[in-house]
Amino acid sequence: MEIKKEQNGPVLKISLSGRLDAVTAPDLDKVVQNELAGVTELTLDFTDLVYVASAGLRVLLLAQKRMKKQGFMKLTHVNKDVKDVLEMTGFIDFLTIED
């Protein structure tokens, strides 16, 4: 998985490509743990994300909890396969998803 970050003041956009799974989730977790200080708007761009596993969902949950305290988080450009996983797991009910 590749992680690209673009920050403009308190706005952070993270673009993910590849697979968010047990192997790659720790990389995103490091970003969530270390780089959200002062961020009030987090966008996760899933344009090139093809798969998300339970380890990836855990990191999304942690990011959502953190951002709920300091601003908001949204997912953009979520493909059908990833959206199906979010629906089956109930994550779609508490994550903000935009096209």
N, C-alpha and C. Protein backbone atom coordinates (compact mmCIF):
# COMPACT_ATOMS: atom_id res chain seq x y z
N MET A 1 0.85 -1.18 0.00
CA MET A 1 0.00 0.00 0.00
C MET A 1 0.89 1.23 0.00
N GLU A 2 0.43 2.25 -0.68
CA GLU A 2 1.13 3.53 -0.71
C GLU A 2 0.27 4.57 0.00
N ILE A 3 0.91 5.40 0.81
CA ILE A 3 0.23 6.47 1.53
C ILE A 3 0.82 7.80 1.08
N LYS A 4 -0.04 8.67 0.56
CA LYS A 4 0.38 10.02 0.17
C LYS A 4 -0.36 11.01 1.06
N LYS A 5 0.38 11.99 1.58
CA LYS A 5 -0.22 12.97 2.48
C LYS A 5 -0.08 14.37 1.89
N GLU A 6 -1.16 15.14 2.02
CA GLU A 6 -1.16 16.54 1.64
C GLU A 6 -1.78 17.31 2.79
N GLN A 7 -1.01 18.24 3.37
CA GLN A 7 -1.54 19.01 4.49
C GLN A 7 -1.55 20.49 4.13
N ASN A 8 -2.66 21.13 4.48
CA ASN A 8 -2.81 22.57 4.30
C ASN A 8 -3.38 23.10 5.61
N GLY A 9 -2.51 23.55 6.50
CA GLY A 9 -2.96 23.99 7.81
C GLY A 9 -3.58 22.84 8.57
N PRO A 10 -4.82 23.03 9.07
CA PRO A 10 -5.47 21.99 9.86
C PRO A 10 -6.19 20.93 9.01
N VAL A 11 -6.01 21.00 7.68
CA VAL A 11 -6.68 20.07 6.77
C VAL A 11 -5.66 19.07 6.24
N LEU A 12 -5.92 17.78 6.45
CA LEU A 12 -5.01 16.72 6.01
C LEU A 12 -5.77 15.78 5.09
N LYS A 13 -5.18 15.53 3.91
CA LYS A 13 -5.73 14.55 2.98
C LYS A 13 -4.71 13.42 2.86
N ILE A 14 -5.21 12.21 3.09
CA ILE A 14 -4.38 11.02 2.96
C ILE A 14 -4.96 10.17 1.83
N SER A 15 -4.15 9.94 0.80
CA SER A 15 -4.57 9.11 -0.32
C SER A 15 -3.93 7.74 -0.17
N LEU A 16 -4.77 6.71 -0.24
CA LEU A 16 -4.30 5.34 -0.08
C LEU A 16 -4.43 4.60 -1.41
N SER A 17 -3.44 3.80 -1.72
CA SER A 17 -3.53 2.96 -2.92
C SER A 17 -3.07 1.56 -2.56
N GLY A 18 -3.72 0.57 -3.17
CA GLY A 18 -3.38 -0.82 -2.90
C GLY A 18 -4.35 -1.47 -1.94
N ARG A 19 -3.79 -2.22 -0.99
CA ARG A 19 -4.60 -3.00 -0.05
C ARG A 19 -4.33 -2.54 1.38
N LEU A 20 -5.42 -2.30 2.11
CA LEU A 20 -5.31 -1.95 3.53
C LEU A 20 -5.64 -3.22 4.32
N ASP A 21 -4.58 -3.94 4.71
CA ASP A 21 -4.76 -5.23 5.36
C ASP A 21 -3.82 -5.36 6.55
N ALA A 22 -3.66 -6.56 7.07
CA ALA A 22 -2.85 -6.77 8.27
C ALA A 22 -1.39 -6.36 8.07
N VAL A 23 -0.90 -6.45 6.86
CA VAL A 23 0.49 -6.09 6.57
C VAL A 23 0.66 -4.58 6.49
N THR A 24 -0.31 -3.89 5.90
CA THR A 24 -0.16 -2.46 5.63
C THR A 24 -0.84 -1.55 6.66
N ALA A 25 -1.79 -2.09 7.41
CA ALA A 25 -2.52 -1.27 8.38
C ALA A 25 -1.61 -0.58 9.40
N PRO A 26 -0.53 -1.23 9.87
CA PRO A 26 0.35 -0.53 10.82
C PRO A 26 0.94 0.76 10.26
N ASP A 27 1.16 0.82 8.95
CA ASP A 27 1.68 2.05 8.35
C ASP A 27 0.68 3.20 8.48
N LEU A 28 -0.58 2.91 8.21
CA LEU A 28 -1.61 3.94 8.36
C LEU A 28 -1.82 4.27 9.83
N ASP A 29 -1.72 3.26 10.69
CA ASP A 29 -1.87 3.49 12.13
C ASP A 29 -0.81 4.47 12.63
N LYS A 30 0.42 4.37 12.13
CA LYS A 30 1.48 5.31 12.52
C LYS A 30 1.12 6.74 12.14
N VAL A 31 0.54 6.91 10.96
CA VAL A 31 0.12 8.24 10.53
C VAL A 31 -0.97 8.76 11.46
N VAL A 32 -1.95 7.91 11.77
CA VAL A 32 -3.06 8.31 12.65
C VAL A 32 -2.53 8.67 14.04
N GLN A 33 -1.59 7.91 14.54
CA GLN A 33 -1.07 8.15 15.89
C GLN A 33 -0.17 9.38 15.95
N ASN A 34 0.57 9.65 14.88
CA ASN A 34 1.63 10.66 14.96
C ASN A 34 1.39 11.96 14.20
N GLU A 35 0.44 11.98 13.29
CA GLU A 35 0.35 13.14 12.41
C GLU A 35 -1.00 13.85 12.43
N LEU A 36 -1.85 13.56 13.40
CA LEU A 36 -3.16 14.21 13.45
C LEU A 36 -3.23 15.38 14.44
N ALA A 37 -2.14 15.67 15.11
CA ALA A 37 -2.14 16.80 16.05
C ALA A 37 -2.43 18.09 15.28
N GLY A 38 -3.44 18.81 15.74
CA GLY A 38 -3.81 20.06 15.10
C GLY A 38 -4.67 19.93 13.86
N VAL A 39 -4.94 18.70 13.44
CA VAL A 39 -5.78 18.48 12.26
C VAL A 39 -7.24 18.53 12.69
N THR A 40 -8.04 19.33 12.00
CA THR A 40 -9.47 19.41 12.29
C THR A 40 -10.32 18.79 11.18
N GLU A 41 -9.71 18.58 10.03
CA GLU A 41 -10.43 17.95 8.92
C GLU A 41 -9.52 16.92 8.27
N LEU A 42 -9.93 15.65 8.33
CA LEU A 42 -9.16 14.55 7.75
C LEU A 42 -9.97 13.93 6.62
N THR A 43 -9.37 13.87 5.45
CA THR A 43 -9.98 13.21 4.31
C THR A 43 -9.11 12.01 3.94
N LEU A 44 -9.75 10.86 3.87
CA LEU A 44 -9.07 9.65 3.39
C LEU A 44 -9.58 9.39 1.98
N ASP A 45 -8.71 9.54 1.01
CA ASP A 45 -9.06 9.36 -0.40
C ASP A 45 -8.79 7.91 -0.78
N PHE A 46 -9.86 7.18 -1.09
CA PHE A 46 -9.77 5.76 -1.41
C PHE A 46 -9.82 5.49 -2.91
N THR A 47 -9.52 6.49 -3.74
CA THR A 47 -9.59 6.32 -5.20
C THR A 47 -8.86 5.07 -5.67
N ASP A 48 -7.67 4.84 -5.14
CA ASP A 48 -6.85 3.72 -5.60
C ASP A 48 -6.75 2.59 -4.58
N LEU A 49 -7.63 2.61 -3.57
CA LEU A 49 -7.66 1.53 -2.59
C LEU A 49 -8.57 0.42 -3.12
N VAL A 50 -8.03 -0.78 -3.24
CA VAL A 50 -8.80 -1.87 -3.84
C VAL A 50 -9.36 -2.86 -2.83
N TYR A 51 -8.86 -2.81 -1.58
CA TYR A 51 -9.27 -3.84 -0.61
C TYR A 51 -9.05 -3.30 0.79
N VAL A 52 -9.96 -3.64 1.69
CA VAL A 52 -9.77 -3.33 3.11
C VAL A 52 -10.13 -4.56 3.94
N ALA A 53 -9.25 -4.92 4.87
CA ALA A 53 -9.45 -6.07 5.75
C ALA A 53 -9.75 -5.59 7.16
N SER A 54 -9.98 -6.51 8.06
CA SER A 54 -10.35 -6.15 9.43
C SER A 54 -9.29 -5.30 10.12
N ALA A 55 -8.03 -5.54 9.85
CA ALA A 55 -6.97 -4.72 10.46
C ALA A 55 -7.07 -3.28 9.98
N GLY A 56 -7.44 -3.10 8.72
CA GLY A 56 -7.63 -1.77 8.18
C GLY A 56 -8.85 -1.09 8.78
N LEU A 57 -9.90 -1.87 9.00
CA LEU A 57 -11.11 -1.31 9.63
C LEU A 57 -10.80 -0.82 11.04
N ARG A 58 -9.95 -1.53 11.75
CA ARG A 58 -9.57 -1.12 13.10
C ARG A 58 -8.90 0.25 13.07
N VAL A 59 -8.02 0.47 12.12
CA VAL A 59 -7.33 1.76 12.01
C VAL A 59 -8.34 2.87 11.64
N LEU A 60 -9.29 2.55 10.77
CA LEU A 60 -10.32 3.53 10.42
C LEU A 60 -11.14 3.90 11.66
N LEU A 61 -11.46 2.92 12.47
CA LEU A 61 -12.21 3.16 13.69
C LEU A 61 -11.43 4.07 14.65
N LEU A 62 -10.15 3.79 14.82
CA LEU A 62 -9.32 4.63 15.69
C LEU A 62 -9.22 6.06 15.16
N ALA A 63 -9.06 6.19 13.85
CA ALA A 63 -8.99 7.53 13.25
C ALA A 63 -10.29 8.28 13.44
N GLN A 64 -11.42 7.59 13.26
CA GLN A 64 -12.73 8.21 13.43
C GLN A 64 -12.92 8.68 14.86
N LYS A 65 -12.56 7.84 15.83
CA LYS A 65 -12.70 8.22 17.24
C LYS A 65 -11.86 9.44 17.57
N ARG A 66 -10.64 9.47 17.08
CA ARG A 66 -9.76 10.61 17.35
C ARG A 66 -10.29 11.87 16.70
N MET A 67 -10.71 11.77 15.45
CA MET A 67 -11.15 12.96 14.73
C MET A 67 -12.49 13.47 15.25
N LYS A 68 -13.30 12.60 15.82
CA LYS A 68 -14.57 13.04 16.40
C LYS A 68 -14.32 14.01 17.55
N LYS A 69 -13.18 13.86 18.23
CA LYS A 69 -12.84 14.73 19.35
C LYS A 69 -12.26 16.07 18.90
N GLN A 70 -11.64 16.09 17.71
CA GLN A 70 -10.92 17.30 17.31
C GLN A 70 -11.39 17.89 15.99
N GLY A 71 -12.39 17.31 15.37
CA GLY A 71 -12.88 17.82 14.09
C GLY A 71 -13.74 16.78 13.42
N PHE A 72 -13.47 16.52 12.14
CA PHE A 72 -14.23 15.47 11.45
C PHE A 72 -13.38 14.76 10.41
N MET A 73 -13.86 13.59 10.01
CA MET A 73 -13.17 12.74 9.05
C MET A 73 -14.17 12.30 8.00
N LYS A 74 -13.70 12.20 6.77
CA LYS A 74 -14.55 11.67 5.71
C LYS A 74 -13.71 10.78 4.79
N LEU A 75 -14.40 9.84 4.16
CA LEU A 75 -13.80 8.99 3.14
C LEU A 75 -14.33 9.45 1.80
N THR A 76 -13.46 9.50 0.80
CA THR A 76 -13.90 9.88 -0.54
C THR A 76 -13.50 8.82 -1.54
N HIS A 77 -14.25 8.77 -2.64
CA HIS A 77 -13.97 7.89 -3.78
C HIS A 77 -13.83 6.43 -3.37
N VAL A 78 -14.79 5.94 -2.60
CA VAL A 78 -14.78 4.56 -2.12
C VAL A 78 -15.38 3.67 -3.21
N ASN A 79 -14.63 2.66 -3.64
CA ASN A 79 -15.15 1.78 -4.70
C ASN A 79 -16.18 0.80 -4.14
N LYS A 80 -16.85 0.11 -5.04
CA LYS A 80 -17.96 -0.76 -4.64
C LYS A 80 -17.51 -1.88 -3.70
N ASP A 81 -16.38 -2.50 -3.96
CA ASP A 81 -15.92 -3.61 -3.11
C ASP A 81 -15.63 -3.14 -1.69
N VAL A 82 -14.95 -2.02 -1.56
CA VAL A 82 -14.64 -1.49 -0.23
C VAL A 82 -15.94 -1.04 0.45
N LYS A 83 -16.82 -0.40 -0.31
CA LYS A 83 -18.09 0.04 0.26
C LYS A 83 -18.91 -1.16 0.75
N ASP A 84 -18.87 -2.26 0.03
CA ASP A 84 -19.57 -3.48 0.46
C ASP A 84 -19.05 -3.96 1.82
N VAL A 85 -17.74 -3.91 2.01
CA VAL A 85 -17.15 -4.31 3.30
C VAL A 85 -17.63 -3.37 4.40
N LEU A 86 -17.64 -2.07 4.12
CA LEU A 86 -18.09 -1.10 5.12
C LEU A 86 -19.56 -1.31 5.48
N GLU A 87 -20.37 -1.69 4.49
CA GLU A 87 -21.79 -1.96 4.74
C GLU A 87 -21.97 -3.23 5.57
N MET A 88 -21.26 -4.29 5.20
CA MET A 88 -21.40 -5.57 5.91
C MET A 88 -20.95 -5.48 7.37
N THR A 89 -19.99 -4.63 7.64
CA THR A 89 -19.46 -4.52 9.00
C THR A 89 -20.15 -3.45 9.83
N GLY A 90 -21.04 -2.67 9.20
CA GLY A 90 -21.74 -1.62 9.92
C GLY A 90 -20.96 -0.31 10.00
N PHE A 91 -19.77 -0.28 9.44
CA PHE A 91 -18.96 0.94 9.47
C PHE A 91 -19.61 2.07 8.68
N ILE A 92 -20.41 1.70 7.70
CA ILE A 92 -21.06 2.72 6.87
C ILE A 92 -22.00 3.59 7.68
N ASP A 93 -22.44 3.06 8.84
CA ASP A 93 -23.40 3.80 9.68
C ASP A 93 -22.75 4.95 10.44
N PHE A 94 -21.45 4.92 10.67
CA PHE A 94 -20.83 6.00 11.44
C PHE A 94 -19.69 6.71 10.71
N LEU A 95 -19.34 6.26 9.51
CA LEU A 95 -18.34 6.96 8.73
C LEU A 95 -19.03 7.88 7.72
N THR A 96 -18.43 9.02 7.45
CA THR A 96 -18.93 9.92 6.42
C THR A 96 -18.26 9.55 5.12
N ILE A 97 -19.07 9.21 4.11
CA ILE A 97 -18.54 8.79 2.82
C ILE A 97 -19.09 9.71 1.74
N GLU A 98 -18.18 10.31 0.97
CA GLU A 98 -18.56 11.19 -0.13
C GLU A 98 -17.96 10.64 -1.42
N ASP A 99 -18.59 11.00 -2.53
CA ASP A 99 -18.05 10.56 -3.84
C ASP A 99 -16.91 11.44 -4.29
